[in-house]
């Protein structure tokens, strides 16, 4: 899943899909969770990405949740899927598709 800071440049992520990633999230007093930012690596830099909107939350019973999120990197809008694994307290960037 490529992200770039301009229209012309294309850079493949170095973080393989399914690898744990760093996420800043908000946890409500009712037990809900909402991702706010995530970080991933490319061959040349580490990208911090702000999550503009969480479109869909798919609960995974006894496991966690998948979050379909809209992000902006430079002038490009992308949709990413983040998986929160509750037992492991880990986040994963899932492959597109």
C-alpha atoms as a PDB file:
ATOM      1  CA  UNK A   1       0.000   0.000   0.000  1.00  0.00           C
ATOM      2  CA  UNK A   2       1.888   3.059  -1.157  1.00  0.00           C
ATOM      3  CA  UNK A   3       1.670   6.443   0.478  1.00  0.00           C
ATOM      4  CA  UNK A   4       3.477   9.500  -0.776  1.00  0.00           C
ATOM      5  CA  UNK A   5       3.818  13.132   0.157  1.00  0.00           C
ATOM      6  CA  UNK A   6       3.373  14.325  -3.434  1.00  0.00           C
ATOM      7  CA  UNK A   7       1.493  13.268  -6.572  1.00  0.00           C
ATOM      8  CA  UNK A   8       4.396  11.932  -8.631  1.00  0.00           C
ATOM      9  CA  UNK A   9       6.517  10.007  -6.151  1.00  0.00           C
ATOM     10  CA  UNK A  10       5.601   6.356  -5.483  1.00  0.00           C
ATOM     11  CA  UNK A  11       7.147   4.491  -2.593  1.00  0.00           C
ATOM     12  CA  UNK A  12       6.357   0.962  -1.461  1.00  0.00           C
ATOM     13  CA  UNK A  13       5.924   0.466   2.261  1.00  0.00           C
ATOM     14  CA  UNK A  14       8.746  -1.372   3.971  1.00  0.00           C
ATOM     15  CA  UNK A  15       6.444  -2.593   6.726  1.00  0.00           C
ATOM     16  CA  UNK A  16       4.996  -5.842   5.336  1.00  0.00           C
ATOM     17  CA  UNK A  17       1.207  -6.180   5.664  1.00  0.00           C
ATOM     18  CA  UNK A  18       0.307  -8.137   8.770  1.00  0.00           C
ATOM     19  CA  UNK A  19       3.303  -6.796  10.707  1.00  0.00           C
ATOM     20  CA  UNK A  20       2.508  -5.070  14.018  1.00  0.00           C
ATOM     21  CA  UNK A  21       2.516  -1.263  13.740  1.00  0.00           C
ATOM     22  CA  UNK A  22       2.484   1.619  16.211  1.00  0.00           C
ATOM     23  CA  UNK A  23      -0.924   3.266  16.711  1.00  0.00           C
ATOM     24  CA  UNK A  24      -2.155   6.113  18.865  1.00  0.00           C
ATOM     25  CA  UNK A  25      -5.762   5.410  19.827  1.00  0.00           C
ATOM     26  CA  UNK A  26      -8.485   6.798  22.047  1.00  0.00           C
ATOM     27  CA  UNK A  27     -10.219   4.477  24.509  1.00  0.00           C
ATOM     28  CA  UNK A  28     -13.650   5.454  25.843  1.00  0.00           C
ATOM     29  CA  UNK A  29     -14.884   4.837  29.367  1.00  0.00           C
ATOM     30  CA  UNK A  30     -17.402   2.404  27.846  1.00  0.00           C
ATOM     31  CA  UNK A  31     -14.645   0.225  26.394  1.00  0.00           C
ATOM     32  CA  UNK A  32     -14.683   1.519  22.817  1.00  0.00           C
ATOM     33  CA  UNK A  33     -11.481   2.134  20.894  1.00  0.00           C
ATOM     34  CA  UNK A  34     -10.775   4.519  18.007  1.00  0.00           C
ATOM     35  CA  UNK A  35      -7.444   4.737  16.136  1.00  0.00           C
ATOM     36  CA  UNK A  36      -6.172   8.318  15.676  1.00  0.00           C
ATOM     37  CA  UNK A  37      -2.699   7.951  14.088  1.00  0.00           C
ATOM     38  CA  UNK A  38      -0.457   5.134  12.910  1.00  0.00           C
ATOM     39  CA  UNK A  39       3.188   4.776  11.915  1.00  0.00           C
ATOM     40  CA  UNK A  40       4.750   2.618   9.210  1.00  0.00           C
ATOM     41  CA  UNK A  41       8.165   2.322   7.578  1.00  0.00           C
ATOM     42  CA  UNK A  42       9.216   2.837   3.966  1.00  0.00           C
ATOM     43  CA  UNK A  43      12.723   2.091   2.683  1.00  0.00           C
ATOM     44  CA  UNK A  44      13.707   5.750   3.182  1.00  0.00           C
ATOM     45  CA  UNK A  45      11.625   7.059   6.083  1.00  0.00           C
ATOM     46  CA  UNK A  46       9.117   6.439   8.846  1.00  0.00           C
ATOM     47  CA  UNK A  47       5.677   7.855   8.089  1.00  0.00           C
ATOM     48  CA  UNK A  48       3.270   9.161  10.728  1.00  0.00           C
ATOM     49  CA  UNK A  49      -0.259   9.086   9.305  1.00  0.00           C
ATOM     50  CA  UNK A  50      -3.314  10.854  10.762  1.00  0.00           C
ATOM     51  CA  UNK A  51      -6.592   8.974  10.508  1.00  0.00           C
ATOM     52  CA  UNK A  52      -9.177  11.395   9.142  1.00  0.00           C
ATOM     53  CA  UNK A  53     -12.223   9.155   9.602  1.00  0.00           C
ATOM     54  CA  UNK A  54     -13.113   5.660  10.761  1.00  0.00           C
ATOM     55  CA  UNK A  55     -15.709   4.544   8.202  1.00  0.00           C
ATOM     56  CA  UNK A  56     -16.519   1.023   9.379  1.00  0.00           C
ATOM     57  CA  UNK A  57     -15.749  -0.994  12.494  1.00  0.00           C
ATOM     58  CA  UNK A  58     -16.085  -4.773  12.086  1.00  0.00           C
ATOM     59  CA  UNK A  59     -16.014  -6.547  15.454  1.00  0.00           C
ATOM     60  CA  UNK A  60     -14.152  -9.863  15.484  1.00  0.00           C
ATOM     61  CA  UNK A  61     -15.729 -11.790  18.389  1.00  0.00           C
ATOM     62  CA  UNK A  62     -13.221 -12.769  21.093  1.00  0.00           C
ATOM     63  CA  UNK A  63     -10.371 -11.370  18.979  1.00  0.00           C
ATOM     64  CA  UNK A  64     -10.656  -7.617  18.395  1.00  0.00           C
ATOM     65  CA  UNK A  65     -11.871  -5.357  15.584  1.00  0.00           C
ATOM     66  CA  UNK A  66     -11.067  -4.292  12.035  1.00  0.00           C
ATOM     67  CA  UNK A  67     -11.223  -0.555  11.334  1.00  0.00           C
ATOM     68  CA  UNK A  68     -11.709   0.763   7.791  1.00  0.00           C
ATOM     69  CA  UNK A  69     -10.101   4.208   7.936  1.00  0.00           C
ATOM     70  CA  UNK A  70      -9.696   7.184   5.636  1.00  0.00           C
ATOM     71  CA  UNK A  71      -6.236   8.762   5.714  1.00  0.00           C
ATOM     72  CA  UNK A  72      -4.642  11.697   3.885  1.00  0.00           C
ATOM     73  CA  UNK A  73      -0.968  11.597   2.977  1.00  0.00           C
ATOM     74  CA  UNK A  74       0.062  14.723   1.140  1.00  0.00           C
ATOM     75  CA  UNK A  75      -2.782  15.361  -1.292  1.00  0.00           C
ATOM     76  CA  UNK A  76      -3.833  11.710  -1.642  1.00  0.00           C
ATOM     77  CA  UNK A  77      -6.754  10.113   0.155  1.00  0.00           C
ATOM     78  CA  UNK A  78      -6.470   6.392   0.901  1.00  0.00           C
ATOM     79  CA  UNK A  79      -8.491   3.763   2.718  1.00  0.00           C
ATOM     80  CA  UNK A  80      -6.600   1.455   5.062  1.00  0.00           C
ATOM     81  CA  UNK A  81      -7.688  -1.449   7.239  1.00  0.00           C
ATOM     82  CA  UNK A  82      -6.249  -1.572  10.743  1.00  0.00           C
ATOM     83  CA  UNK A  83      -6.795  -4.619  12.939  1.00  0.00           C
ATOM     84  CA  UNK A  84      -6.733  -4.323  16.721  1.00  0.00           C
ATOM     85  CA  UNK A  85      -6.023  -7.631  18.467  1.00  0.00           C
ATOM     86  CA  UNK A  86      -7.434  -7.244  21.964  1.00  0.00           C
ATOM     87  CA  UNK A  87      -5.657 -10.157  23.672  1.00  0.00           C
ATOM     88  CA  UNK A  88      -2.269  -9.166  22.285  1.00  0.00           C
ATOM     89  CA  UNK A  89      -2.820  -5.390  22.625  1.00  0.00           C
ATOM     90  CA  UNK A  90      -1.391  -5.021  19.105  1.00  0.00           C
ATOM     91  CA  UNK A  91      -2.361  -3.238  15.897  1.00  0.00           C
ATOM     92  CA  UNK A  92      -1.772  -4.542  12.370  1.00  0.00           C
ATOM     93  CA  UNK A  93      -1.930  -2.878   8.956  1.00  0.00           C
ATOM     94  CA  UNK A  94      -3.797  -5.352   6.751  1.00  0.00           C
ATOM     95  CA  UNK A  95      -3.060  -5.857   3.056  1.00  0.00           C
ATOM     96  CA  UNK A  96      -5.318  -3.956   0.630  1.00  0.00           C
ATOM     97  CA  UNK A  97      -8.114  -5.792  -1.083  1.00  0.00           C
END
